[in-house]
């Protein structure tokens, strides 16, 4: 799913729980070095977030 969106030129970020964020970043950076990983507390109020899917 991530590769598909990146290949289509979409700009997006992964959003993780604050305590999981560093670990999610560590796992994803090997394959997707430029993919931003944010926690929900790093997203400013008023910013519209559209969910493209979930990863479990």
N, C-alpha and C. Protein backbone atom coordinates (compact mmCIF):
# COMPACT_ATOMS: atom_id res chain seq x y z
N UNK A 1 0.82 -1.18 0.00
CA UNK A 1 0.00 0.00 0.00
C UNK A 1 0.87 1.26 0.00
N UNK A 2 1.92 1.29 0.80
CA UNK A 2 2.80 2.46 0.87
C UNK A 2 3.48 2.69 -0.47
N UNK A 3 4.05 1.64 -1.03
CA UNK A 3 4.76 1.77 -2.31
C UNK A 3 3.82 2.26 -3.41
N UNK A 4 2.60 1.77 -3.44
CA UNK A 4 1.63 2.19 -4.46
C UNK A 4 1.39 3.69 -4.40
N UNK A 5 1.17 4.22 -3.21
CA UNK A 5 0.91 5.66 -3.06
C UNK A 5 2.16 6.47 -3.40
N UNK A 6 3.32 5.97 -3.02
CA UNK A 6 4.56 6.70 -3.34
C UNK A 6 4.80 6.70 -4.85
N UNK A 7 4.57 5.57 -5.51
CA UNK A 7 4.77 5.48 -6.96
C UNK A 7 3.82 6.39 -7.72
N UNK A 8 2.65 6.66 -7.16
CA UNK A 8 1.67 7.54 -7.79
C UNK A 8 1.97 9.01 -7.51
N UNK A 9 3.00 9.28 -6.73
CA UNK A 9 3.41 10.66 -6.46
C UNK A 9 2.63 11.34 -5.36
N UNK A 10 1.85 10.60 -4.60
CA UNK A 10 1.08 11.19 -3.51
C UNK A 10 2.00 11.55 -2.36
N UNK A 11 1.69 12.64 -1.69
CA UNK A 11 2.42 13.02 -0.49
C UNK A 11 1.59 12.61 0.71
N UNK A 12 2.18 11.85 1.61
CA UNK A 12 1.46 11.40 2.78
C UNK A 12 2.46 11.06 3.88
N UNK A 13 1.92 10.76 5.05
CA UNK A 13 2.76 10.39 6.20
C UNK A 13 2.08 9.25 6.94
N UNK A 14 2.87 8.50 7.67
CA UNK A 14 2.32 7.51 8.59
C UNK A 14 2.07 8.21 9.91
N UNK A 15 0.98 7.87 10.56
CA UNK A 15 0.66 8.43 11.87
C UNK A 15 0.61 7.28 12.86
N UNK A 16 1.36 7.41 13.93
CA UNK A 16 1.45 6.37 14.95
C UNK A 16 1.22 6.98 16.33
N UNK A 17 0.98 6.13 17.29
CA UNK A 17 0.86 6.59 18.67
C UNK A 17 2.20 7.18 19.09
N UNK A 18 2.19 8.19 19.95
CA UNK A 18 3.43 8.85 20.35
C UNK A 18 4.51 7.90 20.87
N UNK A 19 4.13 6.92 21.66
CA UNK A 19 5.14 6.00 22.21
C UNK A 19 5.65 4.99 21.17
N UNK A 20 4.87 4.75 20.12
CA UNK A 20 5.27 3.80 19.07
C UNK A 20 6.00 4.47 17.92
N UNK A 21 5.88 5.78 17.80
CA UNK A 21 6.42 6.50 16.66
C UNK A 21 7.90 6.22 16.37
N UNK A 22 8.80 6.28 17.35
CA UNK A 22 10.22 6.03 17.03
C UNK A 22 10.47 4.62 16.50
N UNK A 23 9.71 3.66 16.98
CA UNK A 23 9.89 2.28 16.53
C UNK A 23 9.32 2.08 15.12
N UNK A 24 8.19 2.71 14.85
CA UNK A 24 7.62 2.65 13.50
C UNK A 24 8.59 3.29 12.52
N UNK A 25 9.17 4.41 12.89
CA UNK A 25 10.15 5.08 12.03
C UNK A 25 11.36 4.18 11.78
N UNK A 26 11.84 3.53 12.81
CA UNK A 26 13.01 2.68 12.70
C UNK A 26 12.74 1.52 11.72
N UNK A 27 11.56 0.97 11.75
CA UNK A 27 11.20 -0.14 10.87
C UNK A 27 11.02 0.33 9.43
N UNK A 28 10.35 1.46 9.24
CA UNK A 28 10.02 1.91 7.89
C UNK A 28 11.17 2.60 7.16
N UNK A 29 12.13 3.17 7.90
CA UNK A 29 13.16 3.97 7.24
C UNK A 29 14.06 3.15 6.32
N UNK A 30 14.17 1.87 6.53
CA UNK A 30 15.00 1.03 5.66
C UNK A 30 14.43 0.94 4.25
N UNK A 31 13.12 0.82 4.16
CA UNK A 31 12.47 0.70 2.85
C UNK A 31 11.97 2.02 2.30
N UNK A 32 11.58 2.93 3.19
CA UNK A 32 10.98 4.20 2.78
C UNK A 32 11.66 5.34 3.52
N UNK A 33 12.87 5.64 3.12
CA UNK A 33 13.71 6.61 3.84
C UNK A 33 13.10 8.01 3.91
N UNK A 34 12.32 8.40 2.92
CA UNK A 34 11.77 9.76 2.89
C UNK A 34 10.35 9.86 3.43
N UNK A 35 9.79 8.75 3.87
CA UNK A 35 8.40 8.74 4.35
C UNK A 35 8.33 9.33 5.76
N UNK A 36 7.59 10.42 5.95
CA UNK A 36 7.46 10.99 7.30
C UNK A 36 6.64 10.08 8.20
N UNK A 37 7.06 9.97 9.45
CA UNK A 37 6.30 9.24 10.46
C UNK A 37 6.03 10.23 11.58
N UNK A 38 4.76 10.49 11.84
CA UNK A 38 4.35 11.47 12.85
C UNK A 38 3.51 10.80 13.91
N UNK A 39 3.46 11.42 15.07
CA UNK A 39 2.47 11.00 16.06
C UNK A 39 1.30 11.97 15.95
N UNK A 40 0.16 11.57 16.45
CA UNK A 40 -1.01 12.43 16.33
C UNK A 40 -0.84 13.74 17.08
N UNK A 41 0.02 13.80 18.08
CA UNK A 41 0.23 15.05 18.81
C UNK A 41 1.09 16.04 18.01
N UNK A 42 1.74 15.59 16.94
CA UNK A 42 2.55 16.47 16.11
C UNK A 42 1.76 17.11 14.98
N UNK A 43 0.50 16.77 14.86
CA UNK A 43 -0.34 17.32 13.80
C UNK A 43 -1.10 18.52 14.36
N UNK A 44 -0.95 19.65 13.72
CA UNK A 44 -1.55 20.89 14.22
C UNK A 44 -3.08 20.82 14.17
N UNK A 45 -3.69 21.50 15.09
CA UNK A 45 -5.15 21.60 15.10
C UNK A 45 -5.61 22.23 13.80
N UNK A 46 -6.73 21.77 13.32
CA UNK A 46 -7.29 22.33 12.10
C UNK A 46 -6.78 21.67 10.82
N UNK A 47 -5.78 20.81 10.94
CA UNK A 47 -5.25 20.11 9.77
C UNK A 47 -6.17 18.93 9.47
N UNK A 48 -6.65 18.86 8.24
CA UNK A 48 -7.52 17.76 7.83
C UNK A 48 -6.68 16.53 7.55
N UNK A 49 -7.01 15.42 8.19
CA UNK A 49 -6.29 14.16 8.00
C UNK A 49 -7.22 13.18 7.30
N UNK A 50 -6.76 12.64 6.19
CA UNK A 50 -7.53 11.65 5.44
C UNK A 50 -6.83 10.31 5.59
N UNK A 51 -7.56 9.34 6.10
CA UNK A 51 -7.01 8.00 6.30
C UNK A 51 -7.00 7.24 4.97
N UNK A 52 -5.84 6.74 4.59
CA UNK A 52 -5.73 5.93 3.38
C UNK A 52 -5.79 4.45 3.70
N UNK A 53 -5.65 4.10 4.97
CA UNK A 53 -5.68 2.71 5.39
C UNK A 53 -5.02 2.55 6.73
N UNK A 54 -4.92 1.32 7.18
CA UNK A 54 -4.28 1.03 8.45
C UNK A 54 -3.26 -0.09 8.26
N UNK A 55 -2.27 -0.06 9.11
CA UNK A 55 -1.25 -1.11 9.13
C UNK A 55 -1.25 -1.70 10.52
N UNK A 56 -1.32 -3.00 10.61
CA UNK A 56 -1.33 -3.61 11.94
C UNK A 56 -0.29 -4.69 12.05
